[in-house]
Amino acid sequence: MSWQQIEVRLKARPRGVHLVTREVLEALPRLREVKIGLLHVFIAHTSASLSVNENADPDVRADMRRWLDQAVPENAPYFAHTTEGPDDMPAHLKSVLLGTELTIPIRDGRLALGTWQGIYLGEHRDAGGARTLIATVWGETG
């Protein structure tokens, strides 16, 4: 069994849902050596999220952003946490809704994602900045 853990620094992106599968894989060249295993990815932020969803049609990502912005609106009168801007508390809630970690199977050196699945970064702030992922690969090499 083999373990590898690295930090993956994602470039800053605008608010929205962004496909980051390629960036994650490029940071993990040893994943190709894993015959069977798991990739665990954790985002070390409270105003961004990770999820797995449609990787082909960008309309899905745009629709998700619109839905999230409508479901958790800025300037809601019941928000007390407002000192960091009107997008901060909604970003925390969106992060809770979508989650901060993923576990994806590895099979024969590849992520065992479905045909149309990819890893999404949910950037829930207007200027969230670069984001840090902690990626841990565990598995049997061979």
Protein backbone atom coordinates (compact mmCIF):
# COMPACT_ATOMS: atom_id res chain seq x y z
CA MET A 1 0.00 0.00 0.00
CA SER A 2 1.17 3.50 -0.75
CA TRP A 3 0.21 6.95 0.54
CA GLN A 4 0.80 10.32 -1.07
CA GLN A 5 -0.45 13.68 0.16
CA ILE A 6 0.09 17.01 -1.56
CA GLU A 7 -1.28 20.52 -1.57
CA VAL A 8 -2.88 21.60 -4.81
CA ARG A 9 -3.08 25.36 -5.28
CA LEU A 10 -5.92 26.37 -7.60
CA LYS A 11 -5.73 29.75 -9.31
CA ALA A 12 -8.20 32.44 -8.28
CA ARG A 13 -11.50 32.26 -10.10
CA PRO A 14 -14.64 34.41 -10.21
CA ARG A 15 -17.77 33.38 -8.36
CA GLY A 16 -19.24 30.31 -9.98
CA VAL A 17 -18.83 26.58 -10.39
CA HIS A 18 -15.62 25.58 -12.16
CA LEU A 19 -14.39 22.27 -13.54
CA VAL A 20 -10.96 21.53 -11.97
CA THR A 21 -10.47 17.84 -12.71
CA ARG A 22 -7.50 18.42 -15.00
CA GLU A 23 -5.69 20.64 -12.47
CA VAL A 24 -6.13 18.06 -9.72
CA LEU A 25 -4.86 15.23 -11.95
CA GLU A 26 -1.87 17.24 -13.18
CA ALA A 27 -0.81 17.74 -9.56
CA LEU A 28 -0.96 13.98 -8.89
CA PRO A 29 1.25 12.19 -11.45
CA ARG A 30 1.77 9.23 -9.06
CA LEU A 31 -1.96 8.48 -9.22
CA ARG A 32 -1.21 6.69 -12.52
CA GLU A 33 0.77 4.09 -10.53
CA VAL A 34 -2.21 3.13 -8.33
CA LYS A 35 -3.93 -0.07 -9.43
CA ILE A 36 -6.76 0.21 -6.91
CA GLY A 37 -7.26 2.92 -4.31
CA LEU A 38 -8.91 6.16 -3.28
CA LEU A 39 -8.37 9.86 -3.83
CA HIS A 40 -9.55 12.06 -1.00
CA VAL A 41 -9.67 15.79 -1.75
CA PHE A 42 -10.37 18.42 0.93
CA ILE A 43 -10.69 22.16 0.34
CA ALA A 44 -9.16 24.19 3.16
CA HIS A 45 -11.63 27.08 2.98
CA THR A 46 -15.01 27.96 4.46
CA SER A 47 -16.40 29.89 1.50
CA ALA A 48 -15.72 27.44 -1.32
CA SER A 49 -16.78 23.86 -1.98
CA LEU A 50 -16.08 20.67 -3.89
CA SER A 51 -18.52 18.42 -5.72
CA VAL A 52 -18.74 15.95 -8.58
CA ASN A 53 -21.09 16.63 -11.46
CA GLU A 54 -21.52 17.10 -15.24
CA ASN A 55 -18.21 17.72 -17.00
CA ALA A 56 -19.33 18.32 -20.59
CA ASP A 57 -21.99 21.03 -20.78
CA PRO A 58 -20.97 24.38 -19.23
CA ASP A 59 -24.66 25.30 -18.98
CA VAL A 60 -24.89 22.93 -16.00
CA ARG A 61 -22.27 24.92 -14.10
CA ALA A 62 -23.98 28.22 -14.98
CA ASP A 63 -27.37 26.84 -13.90
CA MET A 64 -25.86 25.65 -10.62
CA ARG A 65 -24.45 29.09 -9.91
CA ARG A 66 -27.79 30.76 -10.63
CA TRP A 67 -29.65 28.27 -8.43
CA LEU A 68 -27.19 28.67 -5.55
CA ASP A 69 -27.32 32.47 -5.76
CA GLN A 70 -31.12 32.36 -5.68
CA ALA A 71 -31.32 29.74 -2.92
CA VAL A 72 -28.87 31.63 -0.67
CA PRO A 73 -29.27 35.32 -1.51
CA GLU A 74 -26.96 38.12 -0.47
CA ASN A 75 -28.17 40.79 1.95
CA ALA A 76 -30.79 38.55 3.55
CA PRO A 77 -32.15 40.47 6.55
CA TYR A 78 -31.54 37.52 8.89
CA PHE A 79 -27.74 37.38 8.35
CA ALA A 80 -25.77 38.72 11.33
CA HIS A 81 -22.32 37.82 9.91
CA THR A 82 -21.91 40.71 7.45
CA THR A 83 -18.56 42.35 8.33
CA GLU A 84 -16.69 40.57 5.50
CA GLY A 85 -19.12 41.66 2.79
CA PRO A 86 -22.53 40.64 1.49
CA ASP A 87 -21.21 37.56 -0.32
CA ASP A 88 -19.44 36.04 2.73
CA MET A 89 -22.26 34.49 4.77
CA PRO A 90 -23.99 33.14 1.63
CA ALA A 91 -20.61 31.62 0.65
CA HIS A 92 -20.39 29.81 4.00
CA LEU A 93 -23.88 28.39 3.55
CA LYS A 94 -23.18 27.27 -0.03
CA SER A 95 -20.03 25.54 1.20
CA VAL A 96 -22.09 23.64 3.78
CA LEU A 97 -24.68 22.68 1.15
CA LEU A 98 -22.16 21.35 -1.39
CA GLY A 99 -19.45 20.11 0.97
CA THR A 100 -15.72 20.49 1.43
CA GLU A 101 -14.43 17.02 0.60
CA LEU A 102 -14.66 14.25 -1.98
CA THR A 103 -13.58 10.63 -2.03
CA ILE A 104 -13.22 9.15 -5.50
CA PRO A 105 -12.19 5.56 -6.35
CA ILE A 106 -9.02 4.97 -8.35
CA ARG A 107 -8.96 2.06 -10.80
CA ASP A 108 -5.97 1.20 -12.99
CA GLY A 109 -4.30 4.59 -12.56
CA ARG A 110 -7.39 6.67 -13.33
CA LEU A 111 -10.19 8.23 -11.35
CA ALA A 112 -13.22 5.93 -11.58
CA LEU A 113 -15.58 8.76 -12.45
CA GLY A 114 -18.60 8.25 -14.64
CA THR A 115 -18.44 9.20 -18.31
CA TRP A 116 -19.83 12.70 -17.76
CA GLN A 117 -18.43 13.41 -14.28
CA GLY A 118 -15.80 15.88 -13.22
CA ILE A 119 -14.57 17.62 -10.07
CA TYR A 120 -16.12 21.02 -9.43
CA LEU A 121 -14.74 23.88 -7.41
CA GLY A 122 -17.60 26.00 -6.10
CA GLU A 123 -16.21 29.52 -5.73
CA HIS A 124 -18.83 31.30 -3.69
CA ARG A 125 -17.14 34.69 -3.21
CA ASP A 126 -16.72 37.46 -5.74
CA ALA A 127 -13.00 37.66 -4.94
CA GLY A 128 -12.20 34.44 -3.10
CA GLY A 129 -8.61 34.26 -4.28
CA ALA A 130 -6.50 31.19 -4.87
CA ARG A 131 -7.81 28.04 -3.18
CA THR A 132 -5.86 25.23 -1.51
CA LEU A 133 -6.81 21.58 -1.79
CA ILE A 134 -5.27 18.79 0.26
CA ALA A 135 -5.20 15.69 -1.97
CA THR A 136 -4.46 12.30 -0.46
CA VAL A 137 -3.95 9.22 -2.62
CA TRP A 138 -4.04 5.83 -0.96
CA GLY A 139 -3.84 2.54 -2.76
CA GLU A 140 -2.10 -0.48 -4.08
CA THR A 141 0.52 0.15 -6.73
CA GLY A 142 1.60 -2.39 -9.25
